[in-house]
Amino acid sequence: MLVTTIASDSHTWNLVYLQLLLEEMGHEVTNLGACVPVAKVVEECALDRPDLVVVSSVNGMANLEAPGLVAALRARPELRGLPVVVGGQLGTLGPGNRRYAPGLLAAGFDAVFTADEPIDRFTAYCGRLARVGR
């Protein structure tokens, strides 16, 4: 699995947490770190072919920047079926991040997880991926 953030997000604690969580679930994880350019995420996905891309945001700009990231991934024929999810602080308006979910799903994300919901929904999603042999 590949863990990353959007280009403007310099936070790393969220990425370390997600990496450790996924590793505890038995997944191999590549953590690209903070402020990752879109081209770098696409390049890594094309080379490594992860089972899942997890885009995490703390700065609240995911609703603006993440659609471009998923569009770049979906533009590559070999990556069109790659599961890509986004989560965290998706906007800057405080609680109620779920309002951004419809737009992010329409942009091409397979699932949206917000900072104000239990992590269990995310771990269940990852567990389903593992069960279907991804």
C-alpha atoms as a PDB file:
ATOM      1  CA  MET A   1       0.000   0.000   0.000  1.00  0.00           C
ATOM      2  CA  LEU A   2       1.139   3.510  -0.697  1.00  0.00           C
ATOM      3  CA  VAL A   3       0.564   6.337   1.798  1.00  0.00           C
ATOM      4  CA  THR A   4       0.914   9.929   0.641  1.00  0.00           C
ATOM      5  CA  THR A   5      -0.458  13.410   1.023  1.00  0.00           C
ATOM      6  CA  ILE A   6      -1.218  16.328  -1.254  1.00  0.00           C
ATOM      7  CA  ALA A   7       1.543  18.650  -2.464  1.00  0.00           C
ATOM      8  CA  SER A   8       0.713  21.486  -0.050  1.00  0.00           C
ATOM      9  CA  ASP A   9       0.456  19.356   3.093  1.00  0.00           C
ATOM     10  CA  SER A  10       3.653  19.296   5.167  1.00  0.00           C
ATOM     11  CA  HIS A  11       2.285  17.150   7.991  1.00  0.00           C
ATOM     12  CA  THR A  12       3.841  13.742   8.583  1.00  0.00           C
ATOM     13  CA  TRP A  13       2.409  12.410  11.861  1.00  0.00           C
ATOM     14  CA  ASN A  14      -0.753  11.321  10.031  1.00  0.00           C
ATOM     15  CA  LEU A  15       1.290   9.425   7.462  1.00  0.00           C
ATOM     16  CA  VAL A  16       3.349   7.653  10.136  1.00  0.00           C
ATOM     17  CA  TYR A  17       0.157   6.716  11.994  1.00  0.00           C
ATOM     18  CA  LEU A  18      -1.418   5.301   8.823  1.00  0.00           C
ATOM     19  CA  GLN A  19       1.755   3.413   7.941  1.00  0.00           C
ATOM     20  CA  LEU A  20       1.921   1.803  11.384  1.00  0.00           C
ATOM     21  CA  LEU A  21      -1.800   0.994  11.349  1.00  0.00           C
ATOM     22  CA  LEU A  22      -1.597  -0.662   7.931  1.00  0.00           C
ATOM     23  CA  GLU A  23       1.559  -2.555   8.864  1.00  0.00           C
ATOM     24  CA  GLU A  24      -0.151  -3.857  12.015  1.00  0.00           C
ATOM     25  CA  MET A  25      -2.904  -5.130   9.714  1.00  0.00           C
ATOM     26  CA  GLY A  26      -0.251  -7.081   7.785  1.00  0.00           C
ATOM     27  CA  HIS A  27       0.221  -4.794   4.785  1.00  0.00           C
ATOM     28  CA  GLU A  28       3.520  -3.728   3.273  1.00  0.00           C
ATOM     29  CA  VAL A  29       3.556   0.082   3.147  1.00  0.00           C
ATOM     30  CA  THR A  30       5.473   2.678   1.175  1.00  0.00           C
ATOM     31  CA  ASN A  31       5.254   6.106   2.815  1.00  0.00           C
ATOM     32  CA  LEU A  32       6.096   8.938   0.408  1.00  0.00           C
ATOM     33  CA  GLY A  33       6.172  11.577   3.152  1.00  0.00           C
ATOM     34  CA  ALA A  34       4.910  15.137   3.065  1.00  0.00           C
ATOM     35  CA  CYS A  35       4.442  17.642   0.220  1.00  0.00           C
ATOM     36  CA  VAL A  36       4.469  14.991  -2.509  1.00  0.00           C
ATOM     37  CA  PRO A  37       4.048  16.328  -6.054  1.00  0.00           C
ATOM     38  CA  VAL A  38       1.355  14.637  -8.134  1.00  0.00           C
ATOM     39  CA  ALA A  39       3.916  13.417 -10.671  1.00  0.00           C
ATOM     40  CA  LYS A  40       5.847  11.604  -7.913  1.00  0.00           C
ATOM     41  CA  VAL A  41       2.716   9.770  -6.713  1.00  0.00           C
ATOM     42  CA  VAL A  42       1.884   8.705 -10.273  1.00  0.00           C
ATOM     43  CA  GLU A  43       5.466   7.577 -10.899  1.00  0.00           C
ATOM     44  CA  GLU A  44       5.582   5.504  -7.702  1.00  0.00           C
ATOM     45  CA  CYS A  45       2.227   3.887  -8.468  1.00  0.00           C
ATOM     46  CA  ALA A  46       3.295   3.011 -12.012  1.00  0.00           C
ATOM     47  CA  LEU A  47       6.530   1.453 -10.731  1.00  0.00           C
ATOM     48  CA  ASP A  48       5.314  -0.332  -7.592  1.00  0.00           C
ATOM     49  CA  ARG A  49       1.662  -1.072  -8.434  1.00  0.00           C
ATOM     50  CA  PRO A  50       0.338  -0.850  -4.852  1.00  0.00           C
ATOM     51  CA  ASP A  51      -2.897  -2.537  -3.842  1.00  0.00           C
ATOM     52  CA  LEU A  52      -4.208   0.756  -2.443  1.00  0.00           C
ATOM     53  CA  VAL A  53      -3.247   4.437  -2.445  1.00  0.00           C
ATOM     54  CA  VAL A  54      -4.140   6.301   0.743  1.00  0.00           C
ATOM     55  CA  VAL A  55      -4.124  10.097   0.426  1.00  0.00           C
ATOM     56  CA  SER A  56      -4.181  11.769   3.841  1.00  0.00           C
ATOM     57  CA  SER A  57      -4.642  15.464   4.548  1.00  0.00           C
ATOM     58  CA  VAL A  58      -4.238  17.508   7.708  1.00  0.00           C
ATOM     59  CA  ASN A  59      -4.071  21.025   6.237  1.00  0.00           C
ATOM     60  CA  GLY A  60      -7.655  20.996   4.939  1.00  0.00           C
ATOM     61  CA  MET A  61      -6.842  21.486   1.276  1.00  0.00           C
ATOM     62  CA  ALA A  62      -7.704  17.970   0.078  1.00  0.00           C
ATOM     63  CA  ASN A  63     -11.037  19.063  -1.351  1.00  0.00           C
ATOM     64  CA  LEU A  64      -9.114  21.405  -3.666  1.00  0.00           C
ATOM     65  CA  GLU A  65      -5.944  19.448  -4.470  1.00  0.00           C
ATOM     66  CA  ALA A  66      -6.875  15.770  -4.236  1.00  0.00           C
ATOM     67  CA  PRO A  67      -9.122  15.769  -7.350  1.00  0.00           C
ATOM     68  CA  GLY A  68      -6.098  16.644  -9.493  1.00  0.00           C
ATOM     69  CA  LEU A  69      -4.115  13.814  -7.934  1.00  0.00           C
ATOM     70  CA  VAL A  70      -6.751  11.171  -8.572  1.00  0.00           C
ATOM     71  CA  ALA A  71      -7.324  12.530 -12.112  1.00  0.00           C
ATOM     72  CA  ALA A  72      -3.623  12.081 -12.866  1.00  0.00           C
ATOM     73  CA  LEU A  73      -3.741   8.494 -11.592  1.00  0.00           C
ATOM     74  CA  ARG A  74      -6.906   7.708 -13.563  1.00  0.00           C
ATOM     75  CA  ALA A  75      -5.339   9.193 -16.715  1.00  0.00           C
ATOM     76  CA  ARG A  76      -2.817   6.354 -16.799  1.00  0.00           C
ATOM     77  CA  PRO A  77      -4.466   3.266 -18.343  1.00  0.00           C
ATOM     78  CA  GLU A  78      -2.494   0.856 -16.145  1.00  0.00           C
ATOM     79  CA  LEU A  79      -3.637   2.682 -12.985  1.00  0.00           C
ATOM     80  CA  ARG A  80      -7.335   3.195 -13.765  1.00  0.00           C
ATOM     81  CA  GLY A  81      -8.449   0.255 -11.610  1.00  0.00           C
ATOM     82  CA  LEU A  82      -6.128   1.081  -8.715  1.00  0.00           C
ATOM     83  CA  PRO A  83      -8.115   1.696  -5.511  1.00  0.00           C
ATOM     84  CA  VAL A  84      -7.470   5.253  -4.289  1.00  0.00           C
ATOM     85  CA  VAL A  85      -8.939   6.683  -1.093  1.00  0.00           C
ATOM     86  CA  VAL A  86      -8.680  10.064   0.573  1.00  0.00           C
ATOM     87  CA  GLY A  87      -9.152  11.045   4.172  1.00  0.00           C
ATOM     88  CA  GLY A  88      -8.433  13.353   7.036  1.00  0.00           C
ATOM     89  CA  GLN A  89      -9.190  17.055   7.270  1.00  0.00           C
ATOM     90  CA  LEU A  90     -10.684  17.530   3.820  1.00  0.00           C
ATOM     91  CA  GLY A  91     -11.587  21.213   4.073  1.00  0.00           C
ATOM     92  CA  THR A  92     -11.005  24.289   6.184  1.00  0.00           C
ATOM     93  CA  LEU A  93     -14.547  24.796   7.460  1.00  0.00           C
ATOM     94  CA  GLY A  94     -14.120  22.678  10.593  1.00  0.00           C
ATOM     95  CA  PRO A  95     -16.367  19.732  11.539  1.00  0.00           C
ATOM     96  CA  GLY A  96     -18.598  18.315   8.854  1.00  0.00           C
ATOM     97  CA  ASN A  97     -15.940  17.208   6.399  1.00  0.00           C
ATOM     98  CA  ARG A  98     -18.423  14.707   4.984  1.00  0.00           C
ATOM     99  CA  ARG A  99     -19.802  17.531   2.804  1.00  0.00           C
ATOM    100  CA  TYR A 100     -16.761  17.100   0.547  1.00  0.00           C
ATOM    101  CA  ALA A 101     -17.309  13.375  -0.026  1.00  0.00           C
ATOM    102  CA  PRO A 102     -19.657  13.627  -3.044  1.00  0.00           C
ATOM    103  CA  GLY A 103     -17.241  15.832  -4.967  1.00  0.00           C
ATOM    104  CA  LEU A 104     -14.237  13.672  -4.134  1.00  0.00           C
ATOM    105  CA  LEU A 105     -16.073  10.501  -5.116  1.00  0.00           C
ATOM    106  CA  ALA A 106     -17.161  12.154  -8.375  1.00  0.00           C
ATOM    107  CA  ALA A 107     -13.528  13.110  -8.999  1.00  0.00           C
ATOM    108  CA  GLY A 108     -12.577   9.418  -8.972  1.00  0.00           C
ATOM    109  CA  PHE A 109     -11.815   8.380  -5.403  1.00  0.00           C
ATOM    110  CA  ASP A 110     -13.095   4.963  -4.378  1.00  0.00           C
ATOM    111  CA  ALA A 111     -13.806   6.029  -0.805  1.00  0.00           C
ATOM    112  CA  VAL A 112     -13.626   9.095   1.433  1.00  0.00           C
ATOM    113  CA  PHE A 113     -12.800   8.987   5.148  1.00  0.00           C
ATOM    114  CA  THR A 114     -13.093  12.083   7.294  1.00  0.00           C
ATOM    115  CA  ALA A 115     -11.221  13.177  10.401  1.00  0.00           C
ATOM    116  CA  ASP A 116     -14.460  13.315  12.367  1.00  0.00           C
ATOM    117  CA  GLU A 117     -15.455   9.659  11.945  1.00  0.00           C
ATOM    118  CA  PRO A 118     -14.109   6.485  13.582  1.00  0.00           C
ATOM    119  CA  ILE A 119     -11.042   4.864  12.036  1.00  0.00           C
ATOM    120  CA  ASP A 120     -12.951   1.552  11.988  1.00  0.00           C
ATOM    121  CA  ARG A 121     -14.555   2.419   8.662  1.00  0.00           C
ATOM    122  CA  PHE A 122     -11.111   2.810   7.084  1.00  0.00           C
ATOM    123  CA  THR A 123      -9.726  -0.400   8.605  1.00  0.00           C
ATOM    124  CA  ALA A 124     -12.803  -2.321   7.461  1.00  0.00           C
ATOM    125  CA  TYR A 125     -12.272  -1.009   3.922  1.00  0.00           C
ATOM    126  CA  CYS A 126      -8.639  -2.140   3.995  1.00  0.00           C
ATOM    127  CA  GLY A 127      -9.685  -5.511   5.412  1.00  0.00           C
ATOM    128  CA  ARG A 128     -12.084  -6.048   2.503  1.00  0.00           C
ATOM    129  CA  LEU A 129      -9.278  -5.349   0.045  1.00  0.00           C
ATOM    130  CA  ALA A 130      -7.113  -7.970   1.697  1.00  0.00           C
ATOM    131  CA  ARG A 131      -9.931 -10.552   1.638  1.00  0.00           C
ATOM    132  CA  VAL A 132     -10.476 -10.219  -2.107  1.00  0.00           C
ATOM    133  CA  GLY A 133      -6.821 -10.917  -2.755  1.00  0.00           C
ATOM    134  CA  ARG A 134      -5.637  -7.464  -3.759  1.00  0.00           C
END
